[in-house]
N, C-alpha and C. Protein backbone atom coordinates (compact mmCIF):
# COMPACT_ATOMS: atom_id res chain seq x y z
N MET A 1 -15.98 164.68 147.30
CA MET A 1 -15.26 164.90 146.06
C MET A 1 -13.96 165.66 146.29
N GLY A 2 -13.73 166.11 147.47
CA GLY A 2 -12.46 166.76 147.78
C GLY A 2 -12.31 168.08 147.06
N ASP A 3 -11.13 168.28 146.45
CA ASP A 3 -10.83 169.55 145.80
C ASP A 3 -11.25 169.59 144.33
N ARG A 4 -11.85 168.54 143.84
CA ARG A 4 -12.29 168.51 142.44
C ARG A 4 -13.67 169.16 142.35
N ASN A 5 -13.77 170.15 141.49
CA ASN A 5 -15.07 170.78 141.30
C ASN A 5 -15.66 170.36 139.97
N LEU A 6 -16.88 170.75 139.73
CA LEU A 6 -17.60 170.33 138.54
C LEU A 6 -16.93 170.80 137.26
N SER A 7 -16.41 172.00 137.23
CA SER A 7 -15.79 172.52 136.00
C SER A 7 -14.51 171.74 135.66
N SER A 8 -13.74 171.33 136.66
CA SER A 8 -12.52 170.57 136.36
C SER A 8 -12.86 169.18 135.85
N ILE A 9 -13.90 168.58 136.39
CA ILE A 9 -14.34 167.27 135.91
C ILE A 9 -14.84 167.38 134.47
N GLU A 10 -15.63 168.41 134.18
CA GLU A 10 -16.12 168.62 132.81
C GLU A 10 -14.96 168.85 131.85
N SER A 11 -13.96 169.58 132.30
CA SER A 11 -12.78 169.84 131.47
C SER A 11 -12.02 168.54 131.18
N GLU A 12 -11.87 167.69 132.18
CA GLU A 12 -11.19 166.41 131.97
C GLU A 12 -11.97 165.52 131.01
N ILE A 13 -13.28 165.52 131.13
CA ILE A 13 -14.11 164.73 130.23
C ILE A 13 -13.98 165.24 128.81
N GLU A 14 -14.00 166.53 128.62
CA GLU A 14 -13.86 167.11 127.28
C GLU A 14 -12.49 166.79 126.69
N ASP A 15 -11.45 166.86 127.51
CA ASP A 15 -10.11 166.50 127.03
C ASP A 15 -10.05 165.03 126.61
N ALA A 16 -10.68 164.17 127.39
CA ALA A 16 -10.71 162.75 127.06
C ALA A 16 -11.46 162.53 125.74
N ARG A 17 -12.56 163.22 125.56
CA ARG A 17 -13.33 163.10 124.30
C ARG A 17 -12.49 163.54 123.11
N THR A 18 -11.76 164.62 123.27
CA THR A 18 -10.92 165.13 122.19
C THR A 18 -9.83 164.11 121.83
N ARG A 19 -9.20 163.54 122.86
CA ARG A 19 -8.16 162.53 122.61
C ARG A 19 -8.74 161.30 121.93
N LEU A 20 -9.91 160.86 122.40
CA LEU A 20 -10.54 159.69 121.80
C LEU A 20 -10.94 159.95 120.35
N ALA A 21 -11.46 161.15 120.08
CA ALA A 21 -11.84 161.48 118.70
C ALA A 21 -10.61 161.47 117.80
N SER A 22 -9.50 162.00 118.29
CA SER A 22 -8.26 162.01 117.51
C SER A 22 -7.78 160.59 117.26
N THR A 23 -7.85 159.74 118.26
CA THR A 23 -7.42 158.35 118.12
C THR A 23 -8.29 157.62 117.10
N ILE A 24 -9.59 157.84 117.17
CA ILE A 24 -10.50 157.20 116.22
C ILE A 24 -10.22 157.67 114.80
N ASP A 25 -9.95 158.96 114.63
CA ASP A 25 -9.62 159.48 113.29
C ASP A 25 -8.34 158.84 112.77
N GLN A 26 -7.34 158.69 113.63
CA GLN A 26 -6.09 158.07 113.21
C GLN A 26 -6.30 156.61 112.81
N LEU A 27 -7.08 155.89 113.60
CA LEU A 27 -7.36 154.49 113.29
C LEU A 27 -8.13 154.36 111.98
N ALA A 28 -9.09 155.24 111.76
CA ALA A 28 -9.87 155.20 110.52
C ALA A 28 -8.96 155.47 109.32
N TYR A 29 -8.03 156.40 109.47
CA TYR A 29 -7.10 156.71 108.38
C TYR A 29 -6.18 155.53 108.11
N ARG A 30 -5.60 154.97 109.17
CA ARG A 30 -4.64 153.87 109.02
C ARG A 30 -5.27 152.61 108.43
N THR A 31 -6.54 152.40 108.70
CA THR A 31 -7.18 151.16 108.25
C THR A 31 -8.00 151.32 106.98
N SER A 32 -7.98 152.51 106.40
CA SER A 32 -8.74 152.68 105.15
C SER A 32 -8.01 151.94 104.03
N PRO A 33 -8.76 151.29 103.15
CA PRO A 33 -8.13 150.52 102.06
C PRO A 33 -7.19 151.36 101.20
N LYS A 34 -7.55 152.60 100.97
CA LYS A 34 -6.70 153.47 100.13
C LYS A 34 -5.34 153.71 100.81
N THR A 35 -5.36 153.96 102.09
CA THR A 35 -4.11 154.18 102.83
C THR A 35 -3.27 152.92 102.87
N ILE A 36 -3.91 151.79 103.10
CA ILE A 36 -3.19 150.51 103.13
C ILE A 36 -2.55 150.24 101.78
N ALA A 37 -3.30 150.48 100.69
CA ALA A 37 -2.76 150.24 99.35
C ALA A 37 -1.57 151.15 99.07
N LYS A 38 -1.66 152.43 99.44
CA LYS A 38 -0.55 153.36 99.23
C LYS A 38 0.69 152.90 100.00
N ARG A 39 0.47 152.47 101.24
CA ARG A 39 1.59 152.03 102.07
C ARG A 39 2.25 150.79 101.47
N GLU A 40 1.46 149.85 101.01
CA GLU A 40 2.01 148.62 100.43
C GLU A 40 2.76 148.91 99.12
N VAL A 41 2.20 149.78 98.28
CA VAL A 41 2.88 150.15 97.03
C VAL A 41 4.20 150.84 97.35
N GLY A 42 4.20 151.70 98.34
CA GLY A 42 5.43 152.37 98.74
C GLY A 42 6.49 151.40 99.22
N GLN A 43 6.08 150.40 100.00
CA GLN A 43 7.03 149.39 100.47
C GLN A 43 7.55 148.55 99.31
N PHE A 44 6.68 148.22 98.37
CA PHE A 44 7.09 147.44 97.20
C PHE A 44 8.12 148.22 96.38
N LYS A 45 7.83 149.49 96.14
CA LYS A 45 8.76 150.32 95.37
C LYS A 45 10.09 150.46 96.12
N ALA A 46 10.02 150.65 97.42
CA ALA A 46 11.24 150.82 98.22
C ALA A 46 12.12 149.58 98.18
N PHE A 47 11.52 148.42 97.97
CA PHE A 47 12.30 147.19 97.89
C PHE A 47 13.19 147.19 96.65
N PHE A 48 12.73 147.82 95.57
CA PHE A 48 13.46 147.81 94.31
C PHE A 48 14.21 149.11 94.00
N VAL A 49 13.81 150.23 94.61
CA VAL A 49 14.45 151.52 94.31
C VAL A 49 14.64 152.29 95.62
N ASN A 50 15.80 152.89 95.79
CA ASN A 50 16.02 153.77 96.93
C ASN A 50 16.46 155.14 96.41
N ALA A 51 16.89 156.01 97.31
CA ALA A 51 17.26 157.37 96.92
C ALA A 51 18.45 157.39 95.95
N ASN A 52 19.28 156.37 95.98
CA ASN A 52 20.46 156.31 95.12
C ASN A 52 20.18 155.66 93.77
N GLY A 53 18.98 155.18 93.56
CA GLY A 53 18.64 154.54 92.29
C GLY A 53 18.17 153.11 92.52
N PRO A 54 18.20 152.31 91.46
CA PRO A 54 17.72 150.93 91.57
C PRO A 54 18.55 150.11 92.54
N ARG A 55 17.88 149.24 93.26
CA ARG A 55 18.58 148.32 94.17
C ARG A 55 18.83 147.02 93.41
N VAL A 56 19.97 146.98 92.76
CA VAL A 56 20.32 145.88 91.86
C VAL A 56 20.33 144.54 92.59
N ASP A 57 20.76 144.53 93.84
CA ASP A 57 20.81 143.28 94.59
C ASP A 57 19.42 142.65 94.74
N ASN A 58 18.43 143.45 95.08
CA ASN A 58 17.07 142.92 95.22
C ASN A 58 16.46 142.56 93.87
N ILE A 59 16.75 143.35 92.86
CA ILE A 59 16.25 143.05 91.51
C ILE A 59 16.83 141.71 91.04
N ALA A 60 18.11 141.51 91.29
CA ALA A 60 18.77 140.25 90.89
C ALA A 60 18.18 139.06 91.64
N LYS A 61 17.90 139.22 92.91
CA LYS A 61 17.30 138.13 93.69
C LYS A 61 15.94 137.73 93.12
N VAL A 62 15.12 138.71 92.82
CA VAL A 62 13.79 138.42 92.27
C VAL A 62 13.91 137.78 90.90
N ALA A 63 14.80 138.33 90.06
CA ALA A 63 14.99 137.77 88.73
C ALA A 63 15.48 136.32 88.81
N ALA A 64 16.39 136.04 89.72
CA ALA A 64 16.89 134.67 89.89
C ALA A 64 15.77 133.74 90.37
N GLY A 65 14.93 134.23 91.26
CA GLY A 65 13.81 133.44 91.74
C GLY A 65 12.82 133.12 90.63
N VAL A 66 12.52 134.11 89.80
CA VAL A 66 11.61 133.90 88.67
C VAL A 66 12.22 132.91 87.68
N ALA A 67 13.51 133.10 87.35
CA ALA A 67 14.18 132.21 86.41
C ALA A 67 14.22 130.77 86.96
N GLY A 68 14.48 130.63 88.25
CA GLY A 68 14.51 129.31 88.86
C GLY A 68 13.13 128.65 88.83
N THR A 69 12.10 129.41 89.09
CA THR A 69 10.74 128.87 89.05
C THR A 69 10.38 128.41 87.65
N ILE A 70 10.72 129.22 86.66
CA ILE A 70 10.44 128.84 85.26
C ILE A 70 11.22 127.57 84.90
N ALA A 71 12.47 127.48 85.34
CA ALA A 71 13.28 126.29 85.05
C ALA A 71 12.68 125.04 85.70
N VAL A 72 12.20 125.17 86.92
CA VAL A 72 11.59 124.02 87.60
C VAL A 72 10.33 123.58 86.86
N PHE A 73 9.47 124.53 86.49
CA PHE A 73 8.26 124.17 85.75
C PHE A 73 8.59 123.54 84.40
N ALA A 74 9.61 124.06 83.72
CA ALA A 74 10.00 123.49 82.44
C ALA A 74 10.53 122.07 82.62
N LEU A 75 11.29 121.84 83.66
CA LEU A 75 11.82 120.51 83.95
C LEU A 75 10.68 119.53 84.28
N ILE A 76 9.76 119.98 85.09
CA ILE A 76 8.61 119.12 85.44
C ILE A 76 7.80 118.79 84.20
N ARG A 77 7.59 119.78 83.36
CA ARG A 77 6.82 119.55 82.14
C ARG A 77 7.54 118.55 81.23
N LYS A 78 8.87 118.65 81.17
CA LYS A 78 9.64 117.74 80.34
C LYS A 78 9.58 116.33 80.89
N ILE A 79 9.62 116.18 82.19
CA ILE A 79 9.56 114.88 82.83
C ILE A 79 8.20 114.25 82.65
N VAL A 80 7.14 115.01 82.75
CA VAL A 80 5.77 114.49 82.65
C VAL A 80 5.46 114.03 81.23
N LYS A 81 6.01 114.65 80.22
CA LYS A 81 5.72 114.30 78.82
C LYS A 81 6.19 112.95 78.53
């Protein structure tokens, strides 16, 4: 075993256990449904609002997309009748 003694090996094992426990706690936190939902809501809000106020460019894009979709459905409905 060379210069490695039992106490240093035990210390390394304990350090590894501590690191693994921390990693497992982080993974459990990151993958919890509540954390995922908070993160997604935050990203959704950030798309429409930043520190300076509403992001008009993104709001306009979404509004145009919704209006275009409604127009397409209305046109299809008119054609089908």
